[in-house]
Amino acid sequence: MYFSEGENWMSFTVLPVMERRQVLLCGTNVYPVPEPHLDRVMDVHDLLYIFSGEQPLAQDEESFSLRTGDLVLLRAGSHHYGTAPCSVNMRSIFIHFNALPGDRSAQALSGEEIDRLNRDNFFVVPTVVHCGQNNLTTRLINAIIDLYWSHRPNKERRLTLMLNLLLDEISAIGRAEDVAQEEWTVAIINLFRKHPERNYSLDELSQIVNMGVRNMSARFREIVGKSIHQYQMDLKLEMAYMDLRSGNLTVGEVADRYGFSDAFYFSKQFKKKFGVNPKQIKSREPSANINRSRVT
């Protein structure tokens, strides 16, 4: 695995696929007044999805600057805590589920190791993934919350099935959209996710992964199906889309957040990808999913 100046690009939680997985608690949190995430060690796993806003936090030796659309798995037994207050009106969704024998953390797994674990009936869940817009993951999260607070028959069994499906979907996303065939692509992709405000040049990236620019560019396109520039641009725009949907930032602020010095260029690229202007997304009503009565 490739690292840069002490930063570890990928850690995982390996979970055996078991029928005894249970959703223990879930709901939404809203923070009108910014405050840090709780400093704690839990005996259950905590899936935390950032619906809108920002949440800086750390787990053991890793620090994350979570933004809209990010999902983090805080492992049972780990020490996790906020490194700074969240943003104003940050909204997050959490799902607590039970830890079972065989659950473990892992660092820097190769693509071959991940494939082997999948074949052996394990979920390999990255610590942080970006779910993007309209992803099956976000729909499953909201469906689990709806079901948990309902009085439907066979609720516990259905929750277990949906939780396993959610973990499987997160594992698939964390497979770097099936690009972890070569580990250096994971390093580049997670660099883009960790610092979406940066615009990395091919020369910078080639030094990080220790490859020639021409070979790196050709291999990345072959594995991912996009050029490095296009992948970086698409990721920025997807994250910008989620921020605009939250309604908390202006178009100019979102453009600046993702490294677009020219708001007009940002709007042009946004419309090219999504077919609408960013102002149209900004003017839409926020999803009803963030306005639940079950706020903890």
C-alpha atoms as a PDB file:
ATOM      1  CA  MET A   1       0.000   0.000   0.000  1.00  0.00           C
ATOM      2  CA  TYR A   2       1.192   3.537  -0.734  1.00  0.00           C
ATOM      3  CA  PHE A   3       1.409   6.152   1.996  1.00  0.00           C
ATOM      4  CA  SER A   4       2.477   9.784   2.184  1.00  0.00           C
ATOM      5  CA  GLU A   5       4.345  11.235   5.120  1.00  0.00           C
ATOM      6  CA  GLY A   6       2.819   8.982   7.757  1.00  0.00           C
ATOM      7  CA  GLU A   7      -0.756   9.053   6.426  1.00  0.00           C
ATOM      8  CA  ASN A   8      -2.421   5.643   6.189  1.00  0.00           C
ATOM      9  CA  TRP A   9      -4.712   5.642   3.194  1.00  0.00           C
ATOM     10  CA  MET A  10      -6.957   2.726   3.982  1.00  0.00           C
ATOM     11  CA  SER A  11      -8.028   0.800   7.035  1.00  0.00           C
ATOM     12  CA  PHE A  12     -10.803  -1.781   7.218  1.00  0.00           C
ATOM     13  CA  THR A  13     -13.091  -3.642   9.572  1.00  0.00           C
ATOM     14  CA  VAL A  14     -13.463  -7.314   8.656  1.00  0.00           C
ATOM     15  CA  LEU A  15     -16.862  -8.723   9.679  1.00  0.00           C
ATOM     16  CA  PRO A  16     -17.993 -12.342   9.245  1.00  0.00           C
ATOM     17  CA  VAL A  17     -21.343 -12.579   7.478  1.00  0.00           C
ATOM     18  CA  MET A  18     -23.618 -13.836  10.275  1.00  0.00           C
ATOM     19  CA  GLU A  19     -27.337 -14.151  10.878  1.00  0.00           C
ATOM     20  CA  ARG A  20     -26.827 -12.797  14.401  1.00  0.00           C
ATOM     21  CA  ARG A  21     -26.079  -9.228  13.278  1.00  0.00           C
ATOM     22  CA  GLN A  22     -28.595  -6.997  14.996  1.00  0.00           C
ATOM     23  CA  VAL A  23     -29.499  -3.334  14.703  1.00  0.00           C
ATOM     24  CA  LEU A  24     -29.460  -2.174  18.331  1.00  0.00           C
ATOM     25  CA  LEU A  25     -30.288   1.504  17.883  1.00  0.00           C
ATOM     26  CA  CYS A  26     -30.511   3.998  15.030  1.00  0.00           C
ATOM     27  CA  GLY A  27     -31.728   7.506  14.382  1.00  0.00           C
ATOM     28  CA  THR A  28     -30.699  11.002  13.391  1.00  0.00           C
ATOM     29  CA  ASN A  29     -28.769  13.779  15.133  1.00  0.00           C
ATOM     30  CA  VAL A  30     -29.062  17.499  14.425  1.00  0.00           C
ATOM     31  CA  TYR A  31     -26.603  20.058  15.852  1.00  0.00           C
ATOM     32  CA  PRO A  32     -27.913  23.654  15.697  1.00  0.00           C
ATOM     33  CA  VAL A  33     -25.006  24.543  18.001  1.00  0.00           C
ATOM     34  CA  PRO A  34     -21.628  23.096  16.902  1.00  0.00           C
ATOM     35  CA  GLU A  35     -20.020  20.620  19.286  1.00  0.00           C
ATOM     36  CA  PRO A  36     -17.384  17.884  18.985  1.00  0.00           C
ATOM     37  CA  HIS A  37     -18.323  14.242  18.580  1.00  0.00           C
ATOM     38  CA  LEU A  38     -18.498  12.352  21.884  1.00  0.00           C
ATOM     39  CA  ASP A  39     -15.211  11.030  23.288  1.00  0.00           C
ATOM     40  CA  ARG A  40     -15.909   7.358  23.981  1.00  0.00           C
ATOM     41  CA  VAL A  41     -15.185   3.676  23.587  1.00  0.00           C
ATOM     42  CA  MET A  42     -18.277   1.610  22.728  1.00  0.00           C
ATOM     43  CA  ASP A  43     -18.900  -2.112  22.853  1.00  0.00           C
ATOM     44  CA  VAL A  44     -20.959  -1.932  19.633  1.00  0.00           C
ATOM     45  CA  HIS A  45     -20.156  -0.872  16.087  1.00  0.00           C
ATOM     46  CA  ASP A  46     -21.382   2.591  15.060  1.00  0.00           C
ATOM     47  CA  LEU A  47     -22.089   3.425  11.415  1.00  0.00           C
ATOM     48  CA  LEU A  48     -22.202   7.218  11.135  1.00  0.00           C
ATOM     49  CA  TYR A  49     -23.440   8.853   7.917  1.00  0.00           C
ATOM     50  CA  ILE A  50     -23.029  12.614   7.405  1.00  0.00           C
ATOM     51  CA  PHE A  51     -26.258  13.736   5.764  1.00  0.00           C
ATOM     52  CA  SER A  52     -25.191  17.365   5.623  1.00  0.00           C
ATOM     53  CA  GLY A  53     -22.372  19.457   7.037  1.00  0.00           C
ATOM     54  CA  GLU A  54     -18.963  18.558   8.403  1.00  0.00           C
ATOM     55  CA  GLN A  55     -17.764  16.406  11.307  1.00  0.00           C
ATOM     56  CA  PRO A  56     -14.047  16.208  12.174  1.00  0.00           C
ATOM     57  CA  LEU A  57     -13.297  13.112  14.236  1.00  0.00           C
ATOM     58  CA  ALA A  58     -10.653  10.508  14.971  1.00  0.00           C
ATOM     59  CA  GLN A  59     -10.600   6.779  15.650  1.00  0.00           C
ATOM     60  CA  ASP A  60      -7.530   5.450  17.422  1.00  0.00           C
ATOM     61  CA  GLU A  61      -4.617   6.730  15.298  1.00  0.00           C
ATOM     62  CA  GLU A  62      -6.662   7.908  12.265  1.00  0.00           C
ATOM     63  CA  SER A  63      -8.210  11.347  11.792  1.00  0.00           C
ATOM     64  CA  PHE A  64     -10.983  12.172   9.336  1.00  0.00           C
ATOM     65  CA  SER A  65     -12.595  15.363   8.079  1.00  0.00           C
ATOM     66  CA  LEU A  66     -16.025  13.976   7.255  1.00  0.00           C
ATOM     67  CA  ARG A  67     -18.265  15.890   4.894  1.00  0.00           C
ATOM     68  CA  THR A  68     -21.703  15.513   3.364  1.00  0.00           C
ATOM     69  CA  GLY A  69     -22.119  12.023   1.914  1.00  0.00           C
ATOM     70  CA  ASP A  70     -19.309  10.411   3.926  1.00  0.00           C
ATOM     71  CA  LEU A  71     -19.914   7.286   5.992  1.00  0.00           C
ATOM     72  CA  VAL A  72     -17.557   6.089   8.737  1.00  0.00           C
ATOM     73  CA  LEU A  73     -17.543   2.796  10.637  1.00  0.00           C
ATOM     74  CA  LEU A  74     -16.495   3.386  14.246  1.00  0.00           C
ATOM     75  CA  ARG A  75     -15.450  -0.039  15.493  1.00  0.00           C
ATOM     76  CA  ALA A  76     -16.501  -1.584  18.778  1.00  0.00           C
ATOM     77  CA  GLY A  77     -13.626  -1.258  21.239  1.00  0.00           C
ATOM     78  CA  SER A  78     -11.968   1.619  19.395  1.00  0.00           C
ATOM     79  CA  HIS A  79     -11.419   5.053  20.905  1.00  0.00           C
ATOM     80  CA  HIS A  80     -13.230   7.630  18.806  1.00  0.00           C
ATOM     81  CA  TYR A  81     -13.687  11.311  19.519  1.00  0.00           C
ATOM     82  CA  GLY A  82     -14.253  14.677  17.873  1.00  0.00           C
ATOM     83  CA  THR A  83     -11.133  16.627  16.973  1.00  0.00           C
ATOM     84  CA  ALA A  84     -13.113  19.879  16.542  1.00  0.00           C
ATOM     85  CA  PRO A  85     -16.749  21.013  16.695  1.00  0.00           C
ATOM     86  CA  CYS A  86     -19.023  19.995  13.833  1.00  0.00           C
ATOM     87  CA  SER A  87     -20.459  22.597  11.458  1.00  0.00           C
ATOM     88  CA  VAL A  88     -23.615  24.543  12.305  1.00  0.00           C
ATOM     89  CA  ASN A  89     -26.776  22.465  11.730  1.00  0.00           C
ATOM     90  CA  MET A  90     -24.772  19.364  10.902  1.00  0.00           C
ATOM     91  CA  ARG A  91     -27.118  16.395  10.441  1.00  0.00           C
ATOM     92  CA  SER A  92     -25.983  12.817  10.804  1.00  0.00           C
ATOM     93  CA  ILE A  93     -27.584   9.385  10.814  1.00  0.00           C
ATOM     94  CA  PHE A  94     -26.290   6.596  13.033  1.00  0.00           C
ATOM     95  CA  ILE A  95     -26.803   2.839  13.177  1.00  0.00           C
ATOM     96  CA  HIS A  96     -25.468   0.865  16.145  1.00  0.00           C
ATOM     97  CA  PHE A  97     -25.079  -2.873  15.606  1.00  0.00           C
ATOM     98  CA  ASN A  98     -23.632  -5.690  17.667  1.00  0.00           C
ATOM     99  CA  ALA A  99     -20.017  -6.841  17.595  1.00  0.00           C
ATOM    100  CA  LEU A 100     -19.507 -10.587  17.138  1.00  0.00           C
ATOM    101  CA  PRO A 101     -16.603 -13.035  17.466  1.00  0.00           C
ATOM    102  CA  GLY A 102     -14.358 -12.808  14.441  1.00  0.00           C
ATOM    103  CA  ASP A 103     -14.786  -9.046  13.942  1.00  0.00           C
ATOM    104  CA  ARG A 104     -11.395  -7.406  13.569  1.00  0.00           C
ATOM    105  CA  SER A 105      -9.609  -4.378  12.191  1.00  0.00           C
ATOM    106  CA  ALA A 106      -7.095  -4.567   9.360  1.00  0.00           C
ATOM    107  CA  GLN A 107      -4.677  -2.200   7.647  1.00  0.00           C
ATOM    108  CA  ALA A 108      -3.584  -1.950   4.032  1.00  0.00           C
ATOM    109  CA  LEU A 109      -5.241  -5.079   2.637  1.00  0.00           C
ATOM    110  CA  SER A 110      -4.312  -5.945  -0.923  1.00  0.00           C
ATOM    111  CA  GLY A 111      -6.941  -6.495  -3.588  1.00  0.00           C
ATOM    112  CA  GLU A 112      -6.190 -10.216  -3.528  1.00  0.00           C
ATOM    113  CA  GLU A 113      -6.692 -10.350   0.256  1.00  0.00           C
ATOM    114  CA  ILE A 114     -10.001  -8.534  -0.012  1.00  0.00           C
ATOM    115  CA  ASP A 115     -11.200 -10.903  -2.729  1.00  0.00           C
ATOM    116  CA  ARG A 116     -10.209 -13.916  -0.625  1.00  0.00           C
ATOM    117  CA  LEU A 117     -12.052 -12.582   2.416  1.00  0.00           C
ATOM    118  CA  ASN A 118     -15.146 -11.911   0.315  1.00  0.00           C
ATOM    119  CA  ARG A 119     -15.059 -15.475  -0.997  1.00  0.00           C
ATOM    120  CA  ASP A 120     -14.733 -16.724   2.594  1.00  0.00           C
ATOM    121  CA  ASN A 121     -17.965 -14.900   3.515  1.00  0.00           C
ATOM    122  CA  PHE A 122     -16.539 -11.781   5.174  1.00  0.00           C
ATOM    123  CA  PHE A 123     -17.548  -8.163   4.717  1.00  0.00           C
ATOM    124  CA  VAL A 124     -14.458  -5.969   4.258  1.00  0.00           C
ATOM    125  CA  VAL A 125     -15.676  -2.519   5.263  1.00  0.00           C
ATOM    126  CA  PRO A 126     -13.392   0.526   4.819  1.00  0.00           C
ATOM    127  CA  THR A 127     -13.309   2.895   7.757  1.00  0.00           C
ATOM    128  CA  VAL A 128     -14.549   5.749   5.546  1.00  0.00           C
ATOM    129  CA  VAL A 129     -16.375   5.688   2.214  1.00  0.00           C
ATOM    130  CA  HIS A 130     -18.078   8.436   0.236  1.00  0.00           C
ATOM    131  CA  CYS A 131     -21.577   7.333  -0.728  1.00  0.00           C
ATOM    132  CA  GLY A 132     -22.252  10.041  -3.299  1.00  0.00           C
ATOM    133  CA  GLN A 133     -25.722  11.047  -4.434  1.00  0.00           C
ATOM    134  CA  ASN A 134     -28.743   8.751  -4.782  1.00  0.00           C
ATOM    135  CA  ASN A 135     -26.705   5.735  -3.769  1.00  0.00           C
ATOM    136  CA  LEU A 136     -28.286   2.462  -2.671  1.00  0.00           C
ATOM    137  CA  THR A 137     -26.378   2.878   0.586  1.00  0.00           C
ATOM    138  CA  THR A 138     -28.266   6.012   1.620  1.00  0.00           C
ATOM    139  CA  ARG A 139     -31.603   4.441   0.712  1.00  0.00           C
ATOM    140  CA  LEU A 140     -30.790   1.391   2.815  1.00  0.00           C
ATOM    141  CA  ILE A 141     -29.776   3.542   5.771  1.00  0.00           C
ATOM    142  CA  ASN A 142     -33.073   5.416   5.690  1.00  0.00           C
ATOM    143  CA  ALA A 143     -35.035   2.177   5.184  1.00  0.00           C
ATOM    144  CA  ILE A 144     -33.372   0.657   8.256  1.00  0.00           C
ATOM    145  CA  ILE A 145     -34.343   3.670  10.365  1.00  0.00           C
ATOM    146  CA  ASP A 146     -37.938   3.516   9.095  1.00  0.00           C
ATOM    147  CA  LEU A 147     -38.155  -0.189   9.861  1.00  0.00           C
ATOM    148  CA  TYR A 148     -36.489   0.073  13.280  1.00  0.00           C
ATOM    149  CA  TRP A 149     -39.057   2.597  14.517  1.00  0.00           C
ATOM    150  CA  SER A 150     -42.002   0.757  12.970  1.00  0.00           C
ATOM    151  CA  HIS A 151     -44.226  -2.003  14.374  1.00  0.00           C
ATOM    152  CA  ARG A 152     -44.025  -4.300  11.373  1.00  0.00           C
ATOM    153  CA  PRO A 153     -44.056  -8.075  11.789  1.00  0.00           C
ATOM    154  CA  ASN A 154     -40.740  -9.950  11.640  1.00  0.00           C
ATOM    155  CA  LYS A 155     -38.980  -6.626  12.192  1.00  0.00           C
ATOM    156  CA  GLU A 156     -35.815  -8.074  13.759  1.00  0.00           C
ATOM    157  CA  ARG A 157     -35.291 -10.561  10.950  1.00  0.00           C
ATOM    158  CA  ARG A 158     -35.829  -7.909   8.302  1.00  0.00           C
ATOM    159  CA  LEU A 159     -33.425  -5.548  10.056  1.00  0.00           C
ATOM    160  CA  THR A 160     -30.720  -8.234  10.061  1.00  0.00           C
ATOM    161  CA  LEU A 161     -31.222  -8.854   6.336  1.00  0.00           C
ATOM    162  CA  MET A 162     -31.130  -5.147   5.533  1.00  0.00           C
ATOM    163  CA  LEU A 163     -28.071  -4.563   7.727  1.00  0.00           C
ATOM    164  CA  ASN A 164     -26.200  -7.346   5.928  1.00  0.00           C
ATOM    165  CA  LEU A 165     -27.205  -5.867   2.583  1.00  0.00           C
ATOM    166  CA  LEU A 166     -25.996  -2.445   3.737  1.00  0.00           C
ATOM    167  CA  LEU A 167     -22.630  -3.837   4.868  1.00  0.00           C
ATOM    168  CA  ASP A 168     -22.285  -5.653   1.557  1.00  0.00           C
ATOM    169  CA  GLU A 169     -23.004  -2.452  -0.374  1.00  0.00           C
ATOM    170  CA  ILE A 170     -20.497  -0.452   1.685  1.00  0.00           C
ATOM    171  CA  SER A 171     -17.925  -3.178   1.094  1.00  0.00           C
ATOM    172  CA  ALA A 172     -18.524  -2.929  -2.649  1.00  0.00           C
ATOM    173  CA  ILE A 173     -18.088   0.854  -2.623  1.00  0.00           C
ATOM    174  CA  GLY A 174     -14.957   0.460  -0.544  1.00  0.00           C
ATOM    175  CA  ARG A 175     -13.534  -1.844  -3.159  1.00  0.00           C
ATOM    176  CA  ALA A 176     -12.788   1.515  -4.759  1.00  0.00           C
ATOM    177  CA  GLU A 177     -15.513   0.853  -7.300  1.00  0.00           C
ATOM    178  CA  ASP A 178     -13.640  -2.344  -8.127  1.00  0.00           C
ATOM    179  CA  VAL A 179     -10.361  -0.539  -8.795  1.00  0.00           C
ATOM    180  CA  ALA A 180      -8.337  -1.960  -5.913  1.00  0.00           C
ATOM    181  CA  GLN A 181      -6.805  -4.356  -8.426  1.00  0.00           C
ATOM    182  CA  GLU A 182      -3.662  -2.252  -7.950  1.00  0.00           C
ATOM    183  CA  GLU A 183      -3.055  -0.602  -4.605  1.00  0.00           C
ATOM    184  CA  TRP A 184      -1.648   2.649  -5.937  1.00  0.00           C
ATOM    185  CA  THR A 185      -5.062   3.487  -7.430  1.00  0.00           C
ATOM    186  CA  VAL A 186      -6.524   3.279  -3.917  1.00  0.00           C
ATOM    187  CA  ALA A 187      -3.862   5.730  -2.722  1.00  0.00           C
ATOM    188  CA  ILE A 188      -4.802   8.223  -5.446  1.00  0.00           C
ATOM    189  CA  ILE A 189      -8.560   7.864  -4.979  1.00  0.00           C
ATOM    190  CA  ASN A 190      -8.396   8.232  -1.208  1.00  0.00           C
ATOM    191  CA  LEU A 191      -6.121  11.235  -1.628  1.00  0.00           C
ATOM    192  CA  PHE A 192      -8.860  12.853  -3.724  1.00  0.00           C
ATOM    193  CA  ARG A 193     -11.455  11.967  -1.090  1.00  0.00           C
ATOM    194  CA  LYS A 194      -9.349  13.195   1.816  1.00  0.00           C
ATOM    195  CA  HIS A 195      -8.485  16.533   0.214  1.00  0.00           C
ATOM    196  CA  PRO A 196     -11.282  17.405  -2.251  1.00  0.00           C
ATOM    197  CA  GLU A 197     -10.268  21.075  -2.121  1.00  0.00           C
ATOM    198  CA  ARG A 198      -6.950  20.266  -3.813  1.00  0.00           C
ATOM    199  CA  ASN A 199      -6.329  20.025  -7.559  1.00  0.00           C
ATOM    200  CA  TYR A 200      -3.565  17.463  -7.871  1.00  0.00           C
ATOM    201  CA  SER A 201      -1.318  17.576 -10.913  1.00  0.00           C
ATOM    202  CA  LEU A 202      -0.115  14.431 -12.656  1.00  0.00           C
ATOM    203  CA  ASP A 203       3.445  15.259 -11.592  1.00  0.00           C
ATOM    204  CA  GLU A 204       2.424  15.406  -7.907  1.00  0.00           C
ATOM    205  CA  LEU A 205       0.584  12.092  -8.135  1.00  0.00           C
ATOM    206  CA  SER A 206       3.391  10.357  -9.978  1.00  0.00           C
ATOM    207  CA  GLN A 207       5.783  11.270  -7.160  1.00  0.00           C
ATOM    208  CA  ILE A 208       3.362   9.975  -4.515  1.00  0.00           C
ATOM    209  CA  VAL A 209       2.932   6.554  -6.150  1.00  0.00           C
ATOM    210  CA  ASN A 210       6.462   6.443  -7.582  1.00  0.00           C
ATOM    211  CA  MET A 211       5.397   5.854 -11.201  1.00  0.00           C
ATOM    212  CA  GLY A 212       6.069   7.670 -14.436  1.00  0.00           C
ATOM    213  CA  VAL A 213       3.328  10.065 -15.480  1.00  0.00           C
ATOM    214  CA  ARG A 214       2.600   8.327 -18.783  1.00  0.00           C
ATOM    215  CA  ASN A 215       2.456   4.822 -17.287  1.00  0.00           C
ATOM    216  CA  MET A 216       0.413   5.994 -14.278  1.00  0.00           C
ATOM    217  CA  SER A 217      -2.134   7.796 -16.463  1.00  0.00           C
ATOM    218  CA  ALA A 218      -2.545   4.878 -18.863  1.00  0.00           C
ATOM    219  CA  ARG A 219      -2.880   2.269 -16.109  1.00  0.00           C
ATOM    220  CA  PHE A 220      -5.357   4.395 -14.113  1.00  0.00           C
ATOM    221  CA  ARG A 221      -7.597   4.812 -17.159  1.00  0.00           C
ATOM    222  CA  GLU A 222      -7.379   1.094 -17.885  1.00  0.00           C
ATOM    223  CA  ILE A 223      -8.333   0.100 -14.313  1.00  0.00           C
ATOM    224  CA  VAL A 224     -10.863   2.802 -13.425  1.00  0.00           C
ATOM    225  CA  GLY A 225     -12.315   3.537 -16.862  1.00  0.00           C
ATOM    226  CA  LYS A 226     -11.680   7.284 -16.544  1.00  0.00           C
ATOM    227  CA  SER A 227      -8.717   9.574 -16.768  1.00  0.00           C
ATOM    228  CA  ILE A 228      -7.210  10.791 -13.502  1.00  0.00           C
ATOM    229  CA  HIS A 229      -8.412  14.319 -14.237  1.00  0.00           C
ATOM    230  CA  GLN A 230     -11.972  13.152 -14.954  1.00  0.00           C
ATOM    231  CA  TYR A 231     -12.141  10.987 -11.841  1.00  0.00           C
ATOM    232  CA  GLN A 232     -10.948  13.863  -9.672  1.00  0.00           C
ATOM    233  CA  MET A 233     -13.448  16.226 -11.315  1.00  0.00           C
ATOM    234  CA  ASP A 234     -16.388  13.812 -11.004  1.00  0.00           C
ATOM    235  CA  LEU A 235     -15.677  13.197  -7.315  1.00  0.00           C
ATOM    236  CA  LYS A 236     -15.524  16.932  -6.597  1.00  0.00           C
ATOM    237  CA  LEU A 237     -18.825  17.500  -8.387  1.00  0.00           C
ATOM    238  CA  GLU A 238     -20.582  14.619  -6.611  1.00  0.00           C
ATOM    239  CA  MET A 239     -19.494  15.942  -3.229  1.00  0.00           C
ATOM    240  CA  ALA A 240     -20.501  19.466  -4.277  1.00  0.00           C
ATOM    241  CA  TYR A 241     -23.949  18.160  -5.254  1.00  0.00           C
ATOM    242  CA  MET A 242     -24.494  16.790  -1.747  1.00  0.00           C
ATOM    243  CA  ASP A 243     -23.370  20.054  -0.151  1.00  0.00           C
ATOM    244  CA  LEU A 244     -25.759  22.038  -2.331  1.00  0.00           C
ATOM    245  CA  ARG A 245     -28.620  19.733  -1.384  1.00  0.00           C
ATOM    246  CA  SER A 246     -27.970  20.432   2.293  1.00  0.00           C
ATOM    247  CA  GLY A 247     -28.895  24.067   1.676  1.00  0.00           C
ATOM    248  CA  ASN A 248     -26.294  25.446   4.081  1.00  0.00           C
ATOM    249  CA  LEU A 249     -23.793  26.894   1.582  1.00  0.00           C
ATOM    250  CA  THR A 250     -23.956  29.249  -1.372  1.00  0.00           C
ATOM    251  CA  VAL A 251     -22.879  28.132  -4.830  1.00  0.00           C
ATOM    252  CA  GLY A 252     -19.757  30.266  -4.509  1.00  0.00           C
ATOM    253  CA  GLU A 253     -18.863  28.730  -1.155  1.00  0.00           C
ATOM    254  CA  VAL A 254     -19.295  25.214  -2.520  1.00  0.00           C
ATOM    255  CA  ALA A 255     -17.187  26.035  -5.571  1.00  0.00           C
ATOM    256  CA  ASP A 256     -14.418  27.382  -3.343  1.00  0.00           C
ATOM    257  CA  ARG A 257     -14.633  24.361  -1.014  1.00  0.00           C
ATOM    258  CA  TYR A 258     -13.824  22.006  -3.877  1.00  0.00           C
ATOM    259  CA  GLY A 259     -11.013  24.003  -5.411  1.00  0.00           C
ATOM    260  CA  PHE A 260     -12.841  25.911  -8.155  1.00  0.00           C
ATOM    261  CA  SER A 261     -11.447  29.431  -8.167  1.00  0.00           C
ATOM    262  CA  ASP A 262     -13.927  30.377 -10.909  1.00  0.00           C
ATOM    263  CA  ALA A 263     -17.608  29.905  -9.960  1.00  0.00           C
ATOM    264  CA  PHE A 264     -18.617  30.171 -13.625  1.00  0.00           C
ATOM    265  CA  TYR A 265     -16.329  27.249 -14.541  1.00  0.00           C
ATOM    266  CA  PHE A 266     -17.728  25.268 -11.611  1.00  0.00           C
ATOM    267  CA  SER A 267     -21.299  25.899 -12.798  1.00  0.00           C
ATOM    268  CA  LYS A 268     -20.387  24.895 -16.341  1.00  0.00           C
ATOM    269  CA  GLN A 269     -18.817  21.601 -15.220  1.00  0.00           C
ATOM    270  CA  PHE A 270     -21.700  20.930 -12.814  1.00  0.00           C
ATOM    271  CA  LYS A 271     -24.333  21.363 -15.547  1.00  0.00           C
ATOM    272  CA  LYS A 272     -22.298  19.209 -17.910  1.00  0.00           C
ATOM    273  CA  LYS A 273     -22.356  16.344 -15.396  1.00  0.00           C
ATOM    274  CA  PHE A 274     -25.832  16.655 -13.860  1.00  0.00           C
ATOM    275  CA  GLY A 275     -27.809  18.496 -16.539  1.00  0.00           C
ATOM    276  CA  VAL A 276     -28.867  21.298 -14.180  1.00  0.00           C
ATOM    277  CA  ASN A 277     -27.281  24.441 -12.809  1.00  0.00           C
ATOM    278  CA  PRO A 278     -26.015  24.360  -9.211  1.00  0.00           C
ATOM    279  CA  LYS A 279     -28.490  27.123  -8.320  1.00  0.00           C
ATOM    280  CA  GLN A 280     -31.344  24.790  -9.238  1.00  0.00           C
ATOM    281  CA  ILE A 281     -30.075  22.194  -6.752  1.00  0.00           C
ATOM    282  CA  LYS A 282     -29.575  24.911  -4.156  1.00  0.00           C
ATOM    283  CA  SER A 283     -33.176  26.118  -4.546  1.00  0.00           C
ATOM    284  CA  ARG A 284     -34.759  22.692  -4.101  1.00  0.00           C
ATOM    285  CA  GLU A 285     -36.358  21.730  -0.818  1.00  0.00           C
ATOM    286  CA  PRO A 286     -34.115  19.482   1.324  1.00  0.00           C
ATOM    287  CA  SER A 287     -35.048  15.821   1.417  1.00  0.00           C
ATOM    288  CA  ALA A 288     -37.719  14.904   3.955  1.00  0.00           C
ATOM    289  CA  ASN A 289     -35.326  12.269   5.264  1.00  0.00           C
ATOM    290  CA  ILE A 290     -33.509  14.885   7.334  1.00  0.00           C
ATOM    291  CA  ASN A 291     -36.656  16.154   9.006  1.00  0.00           C
ATOM    292  CA  ARG A 292     -37.565  13.110  11.063  1.00  0.00           C
ATOM    293  CA  SER A 293     -39.277  13.403  14.420  1.00  0.00           C
ATOM    294  CA  ARG A 294     -36.878  10.817  15.843  1.00  0.00           C
ATOM    295  CA  VAL A 295     -33.966  13.113  16.557  1.00  0.00           C
ATOM    296  CA  THR A 296     -31.637  12.023  19.372  1.00  0.00           C
END
